PDB file of N, CA and C in Angstrom:
ATOM      1  N   MET A   1      33.611   2.745 -20.426  1.00  0.00           N
ATOM      2  CA  MET A   1      32.321   2.658 -19.763  1.00  0.00           C
ATOM      3  C   MET A   1      31.251   2.272 -20.771  1.00  0.00           C
ATOM      4  N   SER A   2      30.264   1.530 -20.310  1.00  0.00           N
ATOM      5  CA  SER A   2      29.270   0.981 -21.222  1.00  0.00           C
ATOM      6  C   SER A   2      28.005   1.824 -21.319  1.00  0.00           C
ATOM      7  N   GLY A   3      27.964   2.939 -20.638  1.00  0.00           N
ATOM      8  CA  GLY A   3      26.793   3.802 -20.714  1.00  0.00           C
ATOM      9  C   GLY A   3      25.641   3.353 -19.828  1.00  0.00           C
ATOM     10  N   GLY A   4      25.843   2.269 -19.069  1.00  0.00           N
ATOM     11  CA  GLY A   4      24.808   1.795 -18.157  1.00  0.00           C
ATOM     12  C   GLY A   4      24.778   2.630 -16.894  1.00  0.00           C
ATOM     13  N   ARG A   5      23.786   2.369 -16.071  1.00  0.00           N
ATOM     14  CA  ARG A   5      23.691   3.094 -14.807  1.00  0.00           C
ATOM     15  C   ARG A   5      24.841   2.726 -13.902  1.00  0.00           C
ATOM     16  N   SER A   6      25.356   3.706 -13.223  1.00  0.00           N
ATOM     17  CA  SER A   6      26.415   3.469 -12.252  1.00  0.00           C
ATOM     18  C   SER A   6      25.802   2.962 -10.955  1.00  0.00           C
ATOM     19  N   ASP A   7      26.455   1.990 -10.327  1.00  0.00           N
ATOM     20  CA  ASP A   7      25.968   1.488  -9.042  1.00  0.00           C
ATOM     21  C   ASP A   7      25.953   2.584  -7.987  1.00  0.00           C
ATOM     22  N   GLU A   8      26.775   3.604  -8.175  1.00  0.00           N
ATOM     23  CA  GLU A   8      26.809   4.693  -7.207  1.00  0.00           C
ATOM     24  C   GLU A   8      25.551   5.541  -7.272  1.00  0.00           C
ATOM     25  N   ASP A   9      24.816   5.473  -8.380  1.00  0.00           N
ATOM     26  CA  ASP A   9      23.610   6.271  -8.559  1.00  0.00           C
ATOM     27  C   ASP A   9      22.365   5.586  -8.009  1.00  0.00           C
ATOM     28  N   THR A  10      22.480   4.288  -7.665  1.00  0.00           N
ATOM     29  CA  THR A  10      21.316   3.543  -7.201  1.00  0.00           C
ATOM     30  C   THR A  10      21.587   2.925  -5.832  1.00  0.00           C
ATOM     31  N   VAL A  11      20.497   2.533  -5.182  1.00  0.00           N
ATOM     32  CA  VAL A  11      20.582   1.875  -3.883  1.00  0.00           C
ATOM     33  C   VAL A  11      19.550   0.750  -3.868  1.00  0.00           C
ATOM     34  N   ASN A  12      19.935  -0.393  -3.282  1.00  0.00           N
ATOM     35  CA  ASN A  12      19.035  -1.540  -3.144  1.00  0.00           C
ATOM     36  C   ASN A  12      18.413  -1.491  -1.753  1.00  0.00           C
ATOM     37  N   LEU A  13      17.091  -1.393  -1.710  1.00  0.00           N
ATOM     38  CA  LEU A  13      16.370  -1.288  -0.443  1.00  0.00           C
ATOM     39  C   LEU A  13      15.402  -2.447  -0.283  1.00  0.00           C
ATOM     40  N   LYS A  14      15.136  -2.807   0.971  1.00  0.00           N
ATOM     41  CA  LYS A  14      14.158  -3.853   1.286  1.00  0.00           C
ATOM     42  C   LYS A  14      12.983  -3.191   1.997  1.00  0.00           C
ATOM     43  N   VAL A  15      11.782  -3.605   1.644  1.00  0.00           N
ATOM     44  CA  VAL A  15      10.581  -3.162   2.344  1.00  0.00           C
ATOM     45  C   VAL A  15       9.949  -4.393   2.957  1.00  0.00           C
ATOM     46  N   GLN A  16       9.771  -4.365   4.282  1.00  0.00           N
ATOM     47  CA  GLN A  16       9.184  -5.505   4.994  1.00  0.00           C
ATOM     48  C   GLN A  16       7.804  -5.134   5.504  1.00  0.00           C
ATOM     49  N   PHE A  17       6.818  -5.961   5.150  1.00  0.00           N
ATOM     50  CA  PHE A  17       5.427  -5.734   5.558  1.00  0.00           C
ATOM     51  C   PHE A  17       5.199  -6.347   6.933  1.00  0.00           C
ATOM     52  N   ASN A  18       4.658  -5.567   7.858  1.00  0.00           N
ATOM     53  CA  ASN A  18       4.511  -6.044   9.241  1.00  0.00           C
ATOM     54  C   ASN A  18       3.469  -7.145   9.389  1.00  0.00           C
ATOM     55  N   ARG A  19       2.533  -7.270   8.460  1.00  0.00           N
ATOM     56  CA  ARG A  19       1.487  -8.277   8.592  1.00  0.00           C
ATOM     57  C   ARG A  19       1.980  -9.690   8.338  1.00  0.00           C
ATOM     58  N   ASP A  20       2.955  -9.850   7.402  1.00  0.00           N
ATOM     59  CA  ASP A  20       3.397 -11.201   7.066  1.00  0.00           C
ATOM     60  C   ASP A  20       4.920 -11.373   7.088  1.00  0.00           C
ATOM     61  N   GLY A  21       5.654 -10.282   7.302  1.00  0.00           N
ATOM     62  CA  GLY A  21       7.105 -10.375   7.384  1.00  0.00           C
ATOM     63  C   GLY A  21       7.806 -10.550   6.052  1.00  0.00           C
ATOM     64  N   VAL A  22       7.028 -10.570   4.957  1.00  0.00           N
ATOM     65  CA  VAL A  22       7.616 -10.755   3.632  1.00  0.00           C
ATOM     66  C   VAL A  22       8.353  -9.491   3.206  1.00  0.00           C
ATOM     67  N   GLN A  23       9.552  -9.687   2.645  1.00  0.00           N
ATOM     68  CA  GLN A  23      10.356  -8.561   2.184  1.00  0.00           C
ATOM     69  C   GLN A  23      10.261  -8.442   0.671  1.00  0.00           C
ATOM     70  N   THR A  24      10.138  -7.204   0.204  1.00  0.00           N
ATOM     71  CA  THR A  24      10.132  -6.895  -1.220  1.00  0.00           C
ATOM     72  C   THR A  24      11.363  -6.040  -1.480  1.00  0.00           C
ATOM     73  N   PHE A  25      12.073  -6.343  -2.559  1.00  0.00           N
ATOM     74  CA  PHE A  25      13.328  -5.656  -2.853  1.00  0.00           C
ATOM     75  C   PHE A  25      13.136  -4.642  -3.970  1.00  0.00           C
ATOM     76  N   PHE A  26      13.741  -3.478  -3.794  1.00  0.00           N
ATOM     77  CA  PHE A  26      13.662  -2.409  -4.780  1.00  0.00           C
ATOM     78  C   PHE A  26      15.056  -1.862  -5.049  1.00  0.00           C
ATOM     79  N   ARG A  27      15.316  -1.546  -6.312  1.00  0.00           N
ATOM     80  CA  ARG A  27      16.541  -0.843  -6.701  1.00  0.00           C
ATOM     81  C   ARG A  27      16.076   0.505  -7.230  1.00  0.00           C
ATOM     82  N   VAL A  28      16.452   1.567  -6.552  1.00  0.00           N
ATOM     83  CA  VAL A  28      16.007   2.904  -6.927  1.00  0.00           C
ATOM     84  C   VAL A  28      17.199   3.850  -7.041  1.00  0.00           C
ATOM     85  N   LYS A  29      17.002   4.878  -7.814  1.00  0.00           N
ATOM     86  CA  LYS A  29      18.027   5.918  -7.884  1.00  0.00           C
ATOM     87  C   LYS A  29      18.052   6.652  -6.551  1.00  0.00           C
ATOM     88  N   ARG A  30      19.232   7.059  -6.154  1.00  0.00           N
ATOM     89  CA  ARG A  30      19.371   7.786  -4.880  1.00  0.00           C
ATOM     90  C   ARG A  30      18.595   9.103  -4.886  1.00  0.00           C
ATOM     91  N   SER A  31      18.332   9.620  -6.085  1.00  0.00           N
ATOM     92  CA  SER A  31      17.641  10.909  -6.204  1.00  0.00           C
ATOM     93  C   SER A  31      16.132  10.769  -6.406  1.00  0.00           C
ATOM     94  N   THR A  32      15.619   9.526  -6.413  1.00  0.00           N
ATOM     95  CA  THR A  32      14.185   9.291  -6.623  1.00  0.00           C
ATOM     96  C   THR A  32      13.424   9.497  -5.321  1.00  0.00           C
ATOM     97  N   LYS A  33      12.307  10.228  -5.401  1.00  0.00           N
ATOM     98  CA  LYS A  33      11.487  10.422  -4.209  1.00  0.00           C
ATOM     99  C   LYS A  33      10.934   9.073  -3.762  1.00  0.00           C
ATOM    100  N   LEU A  34      10.896   8.874  -2.457  1.00  0.00           N
ATOM    101  CA  LEU A  34      10.435   7.596  -1.908  1.00  0.00           C
ATOM    102  C   LEU A  34       8.962   7.316  -2.208  1.00  0.00           C
ATOM    103  N   GLN A  35       8.222   8.340  -2.585  1.00  0.00           N
ATOM    104  CA  GLN A  35       6.816   8.137  -2.937  1.00  0.00           C
ATOM    105  C   GLN A  35       6.691   7.089  -4.042  1.00  0.00           C
ATOM    106  N   LYS A  36       7.611   7.094  -4.985  1.00  0.00           N
ATOM    107  CA  LYS A  36       7.569   6.136  -6.102  1.00  0.00           C
ATOM    108  C   LYS A  36       7.709   4.703  -5.578  1.00  0.00           C
ATOM    109  N   LEU A  37       8.625   4.481  -4.648  1.00  0.00           N
ATOM    110  CA  LEU A  37       8.811   3.163  -4.045  1.00  0.00           C
ATOM    111  C   LEU A  37       7.569   2.767  -3.247  1.00  0.00           C
ATOM    112  N   MET A  38       7.028   3.693  -2.475  1.00  0.00           N
ATOM    113  CA  MET A  38       5.855   3.410  -1.653  1.00  0.00           C
ATOM    114  C   MET A  38       4.659   3.004  -2.519  1.00  0.00           C
ATOM    115  N   GLU A  39       4.442   3.742  -3.598  1.00  0.00           N
ATOM    116  CA  GLU A  39       3.327   3.429  -4.486  1.00  0.00           C
ATOM    117  C   GLU A  39       3.519   2.077  -5.169  1.00  0.00           C
ATOM    118  N   ALA A  40       4.756   1.782  -5.583  1.00  0.00           N
ATOM    119  CA  ALA A  40       5.035   0.497  -6.225  1.00  0.00           C
ATOM    120  C   ALA A  40       4.809  -0.655  -5.249  1.00  0.00           C
ATOM    121  N   PHE A  41       5.221  -0.483  -3.996  1.00  0.00           N
ATOM    122  CA  PHE A  41       5.023  -1.525  -2.989  1.00  0.00           C
ATOM    123  C   PHE A  41       3.531  -1.787  -2.783  1.00  0.00           C
ATOM    124  N   CYS A  42       2.763  -0.720  -2.616  1.00  0.00           N
ATOM    125  CA  CYS A  42       1.325  -0.876  -2.369  1.00  0.00           C
ATOM    126  C   CYS A  42       0.623  -1.512  -3.565  1.00  0.00           C
ATOM    127  N   LYS A  43       1.004  -1.107  -4.773  1.00  0.00           N
ATOM    128  CA  LYS A  43       0.395  -1.697  -5.970  1.00  0.00           C
ATOM    129  C   LYS A  43       0.735  -3.176  -6.063  1.00  0.00           C
ATOM    130  N   ASN A  44       2.003  -3.521  -5.811  1.00  0.00           N
ATOM    131  CA  ASN A  44       2.468  -4.905  -5.867  1.00  0.00           C
ATOM    132  C   ASN A  44       1.726  -5.791  -4.873  1.00  0.00           C
ATOM    133  N   ARG A  45       1.402  -5.236  -3.710  1.00  0.00           N
ATOM    134  CA  ARG A  45       0.754  -6.013  -2.650  1.00  0.00           C
ATOM    135  C   ARG A  45      -0.758  -5.784  -2.578  1.00  0.00           C
ATOM    136  N   SER A  46      -1.309  -5.018  -3.522  1.00  0.00           N
ATOM    137  CA  SER A  46      -2.743  -4.688  -3.549  1.00  0.00           C
ATOM    138  C   SER A  46      -3.197  -4.049  -2.241  1.00  0.00           C
ATOM    139  N   LEU A  47      -2.443  -3.045  -1.803  1.00  0.00           N
ATOM    140  CA  LEU A  47      -2.745  -2.337  -0.556  1.00  0.00           C
ATOM    141  C   LEU A  47      -3.162  -0.903  -0.851  1.00  0.00           C
ATOM    142  N   ASP A  48      -3.986  -0.350   0.015  1.00  0.00           N
ATOM    143  CA  ASP A  48      -4.379   1.054  -0.094  1.00  0.00           C
ATOM    144  C   ASP A  48      -3.240   1.901   0.470  1.00  0.00           C
ATOM    145  N   PRO A  49      -2.611   2.743  -0.355  1.00  0.00           N
ATOM    146  CA  PRO A  49      -1.483   3.558   0.133  1.00  0.00           C
ATOM    147  C   PRO A  49      -1.822   4.412   1.351  1.00  0.00           C
ATOM    148  N   LYS A  50      -3.100   4.785   1.483  1.00  0.00           N
ATOM    149  CA  LYS A  50      -3.504   5.609   2.625  1.00  0.00           C
ATOM    150  C   LYS A  50      -3.489   4.819   3.938  1.00  0.00           C
ATOM    151  N   SER A  51      -3.488   3.482   3.844  1.00  0.00           N
ATOM    152  CA  SER A  51      -3.555   2.666   5.052  1.00  0.00           C
ATOM    153  C   SER A  51      -2.180   2.150   5.489  1.00  0.00           C
ATOM    154  N   ILE A  52      -1.127   2.514   4.741  1.00  0.00           N
ATOM    155  CA  ILE A  52       0.209   2.012   5.041  1.00  0.00           C
ATOM    156  C   ILE A  52       1.133   3.156   5.455  1.00  0.00           C
ATOM    157  N   GLU A  53       1.881   2.918   6.506  1.00  0.00           N
ATOM    158  CA  GLU A  53       2.879   3.880   6.982  1.00  0.00           C
ATOM    159  C   GLU A  53       4.254   3.244   6.795  1.00  0.00           C
ATOM    160  N   PHE A  54       5.175   3.996   6.249  1.00  0.00           N
ATOM    161  CA  PHE A  54       6.522   3.500   6.005  1.00  0.00           C
ATOM    162  C   PHE A  54       7.483   4.155   6.983  1.00  0.00           C
ATOM    163  N   THR A  55       8.342   3.332   7.608  1.00  0.00           N
ATOM    164  CA  THR A  55       9.319   3.869   8.557  1.00  0.00           C
ATOM    165  C   THR A  55      10.716   3.358   8.221  1.00  0.00           C
ATOM    166  N   PHE A  56      11.705   4.157   8.571  1.00  0.00           N
ATOM    167  CA  PHE A  56      13.113   3.809   8.398  1.00  0.00           C
ATOM    168  C   PHE A  56      13.818   4.214   9.679  1.00  0.00           C
ATOM    169  N   ASP A  57      14.483   3.262  10.319  1.00  0.00           N
ATOM    170  CA  ASP A  57      15.109   3.503  11.626  1.00  0.00           C
ATOM    171  C   ASP A  57      14.096   4.073  12.613  1.00  0.00           C
ATOM    172  N   SER A  58      12.884   3.511  12.594  1.00  0.00           N
ATOM    173  CA  SER A  58      11.783   3.873  13.498  1.00  0.00           C
ATOM    174  C   SER A  58      11.262   5.293  13.307  1.00  0.00           C
ATOM    175  N   VAL A  59      11.604   5.932  12.190  1.00  0.00           N
ATOM    176  CA  VAL A  59      11.118   7.280  11.894  1.00  0.00           C
ATOM    177  C   VAL A  59      10.231   7.213  10.655  1.00  0.00           C
ATOM    178  N   ARG A  60       9.057   7.819  10.751  1.00  0.00           N
ATOM    179  CA  ARG A  60       8.125   7.800   9.616  1.00  0.00           C
ATOM    180  C   ARG A  60       8.755   8.500   8.412  1.00  0.00           C
ATOM    181  N   LEU A  61       8.670   7.845   7.262  1.00  0.00           N
ATOM    182  CA  LEU A  61       9.250   8.399   6.042  1.00  0.00           C
ATOM    183  C   LEU A  61       8.322   9.437   5.430  1.00  0.00           C
ATOM    184  N   GLU A  62       8.926  10.508   4.930  1.00  0.00           N
ATOM    185  CA  GLU A  62       8.182  11.506   4.177  1.00  0.00           C
ATOM    186  C   GLU A  62       8.322  11.148   2.706  1.00  0.00           C
ATOM    187  N   LYS A  63       7.197  11.116   1.987  1.00  0.00           N
ATOM    188  CA  LYS A  63       7.218  10.631   0.610  1.00  0.00           C
ATOM    189  C   LYS A  63       8.000  11.524  -0.341  1.00  0.00           C
ATOM    190  N   ASN A  64       8.249  12.772   0.038  1.00  0.00           N
ATOM    191  CA  ASN A  64       8.996  13.655  -0.857  1.00  0.00           C
ATOM    192  C   ASN A  64      10.509  13.613  -0.611  1.00  0.00           C
ATOM    193  N   LYS A  65      10.949  12.774   0.318  1.00  0.00           N
ATOM    194  CA  LYS A  65      12.387  12.616   0.587  1.00  0.00           C
ATOM    195  C   LYS A  65      12.984  11.580  -0.355  1.00  0.00           C
ATOM    196  N   THR A  66      14.303  11.639  -0.509  1.00  0.00           N
ATOM    197  CA  THR A  66      15.013  10.680  -1.362  1.00  0.00           C
ATOM    198  C   THR A  66      15.947   9.834  -0.500  1.00  0.00           C
ATOM    199  N   PRO A  67      16.345   8.659  -0.993  1.00  0.00           N
ATOM    200  CA  PRO A  67      17.318   7.854  -0.253  1.00  0.00           C
ATOM    201  C   PRO A  67      18.601   8.642   0.039  1.00  0.00           C
ATOM    202  N   GLU A  68      19.009   9.467  -0.906  1.00  0.00           N
ATOM    203  CA  GLU A  68      20.221  10.270  -0.715  1.00  0.00           C
ATOM    204  C   GLU A  68      20.064  11.217   0.470  1.00  0.00           C
ATOM    205  N   GLN A  69      18.915  11.886   0.574  1.00  0.00           N
ATOM    206  CA  GLN A  69      18.668  12.819   1.670  1.00  0.00           C
ATOM    207  C   GLN A  69      18.674  12.125   3.029  1.00  0.00           C
ATOM    208  N   LEU A  70      18.262  10.854   3.050  1.00  0.00           N
ATOM    209  CA  LEU A  70      18.167  10.110   4.300  1.00  0.00           C
ATOM    210  C   LEU A  70      19.420   9.285   4.595  1.00  0.00           C
ATOM    211  N   GLY A  71      20.400   9.348   3.705  1.00  0.00           N
ATOM    212  CA  GLY A  71      21.640   8.609   3.911  1.00  0.00           C
ATOM    213  C   GLY A  71      21.464   7.105   3.827  1.00  0.00           C
ATOM    214  N   MET A  72      20.500   6.654   3.022  1.00  0.00           N
ATOM    215  CA  MET A  72      20.245   5.222   2.893  1.00  0.00           C
ATOM    216  C   MET A  72      21.364   4.551   2.114  1.00  0.00           C
ATOM    217  N   GLU A  73      21.636   3.299   2.501  1.00  0.00           N
ATOM    218  CA  GLU A  73      22.690   2.513   1.869  1.00  0.00           C
ATOM    219  C   GLU A  73      22.118   1.183   1.392  1.00  0.00           C
ATOM    220  N   ASP A  74      22.878   0.497   0.533  1.00  0.00           N
ATOM    221  CA  ASP A  74      22.456  -0.816   0.049  1.00  0.00           C
ATOM    222  C   ASP A  74      22.060  -1.720   1.209  1.00  0.00           C
ATOM    223  N   GLY A  75      20.909  -2.379   1.070  1.00  0.00           N
ATOM    224  CA  GLY A  75      20.469  -3.343   2.066  1.00  0.00           C
ATOM    225  C   GLY A  75      19.664  -2.753   3.205  1.00  0.00           C
ATOM    226  N   ASP A  76      19.485  -1.427   3.227  1.00  0.00           N
ATOM    227  CA  ASP A  76      18.691  -0.829   4.306  1.00  0.00           C
ATOM    228  C   ASP A  76      17.255  -1.329   4.247  1.00  0.00           C
ATOM    229  N   LEU A  77      16.632  -1.417   5.428  1.00  0.00           N
ATOM    230  CA  LEU A  77      15.278  -1.966   5.566  1.00  0.00           C
ATOM    231  C   LEU A  77      14.277  -0.859   5.887  1.00  0.00           C
ATOM    232  N   ILE A  78      13.214  -0.830   5.111  1.00  0.00           N
ATOM    233  CA  ILE A  78      12.082   0.053   5.374  1.00  0.00           C
ATOM    234  C   ILE A  78      10.947  -0.825   5.867  1.00  0.00           C
ATOM    235  N   ASP A  79      10.288  -0.409   6.931  1.00  0.00           N
ATOM    236  CA  ASP A  79       9.149  -1.159   7.452  1.00  0.00           C
ATOM    237  C   ASP A  79       7.865  -0.568   6.901  1.00  0.00           C
ATOM    238  N   ALA A  80       6.975  -1.430   6.423  1.00  0.00           N
ATOM    239  CA  ALA A  80       5.651  -1.033   5.953  1.00  0.00           C
ATOM    240  C   ALA A  80       4.645  -1.516   6.986  1.00  0.00           C
ATOM    241  N   LEU A  81       3.977  -0.573   7.619  1.00  0.00           N
ATOM    242  CA  LEU A  81       3.074  -0.899   8.719  1.00  0.00           C
ATOM    243  C   LEU A  81       1.652  -0.513   8.351  1.00  0.00           C
ATOM    244  N   VAL A  82       0.709  -1.341   8.746  1.00  0.00           N
ATOM    245  CA  VAL A  82      -0.700  -0.985   8.560  1.00  0.00           C
ATOM    246  C   VAL A  82      -1.013   0.066   9.611  1.00  0.00           C
ATOM    247  N   SER A  83      -1.313   1.281   9.155  1.00  0.00           N
ATOM    248  CA  SER A  83      -1.580   2.353  10.116  1.00  0.00           C
ATOM    249  C   SER A  83      -2.903   2.113  10.804  1.00  0.00           C
ATOM    250  N   GLY A  84      -2.968   2.510  12.048  1.00  0.00           N
ATOM    251  CA  GLY A  84      -4.183   2.308  12.826  1.00  0.00           C
ATOM    252  C   GLY A  84      -4.208   1.000  13.578  1.00  0.00           C
ATOM    253  N   ASP A  85      -3.168   0.138  13.419  1.00  0.00           N
ATOM    254  CA  ASP A  85      -3.111  -1.102  14.187  1.00  0.00           C
ATOM    255  C   ASP A  85      -2.989  -0.764  15.663  1.00  0.00           C
ATOM    256  N   GLY A  86      -3.766  -1.428  16.472  1.00  0.00           N
ATOM    257  CA  GLY A  86      -3.703  -1.155  17.908  1.00  0.00           C
ATOM    258  C   GLY A  86      -4.461   0.093  18.217  1.00  0.00           C
ATOM    259  N   ALA A  87      -3.737   1.131  18.666  1.00  0.00           N
ATOM    260  CA  ALA A  87      -4.310   2.421  19.055  1.00  0.00           C
ATOM    261  C   ALA A  87      -5.654   2.184  19.616  1.00  0.00           C
TER     262      ALA A  87
END
């Protein structure tokens, strides 16, 4: 073994922004809280984190959850929605 990260310890996730349909790809550890991914996405897109809601399988994501806790697998899609749209 080369001492590198094991693929079993990480998961490749896609985040799709509802305003433009553009997907951003993230590779995160299965044990990393999703808050880190959410903050990175918002910073990358110059968005206010308070104005974005993230969902997975139509369920709002809690920022203190991990991909492992949610059973996420490689290629899973997270939707990033501008909160307050419509209503």
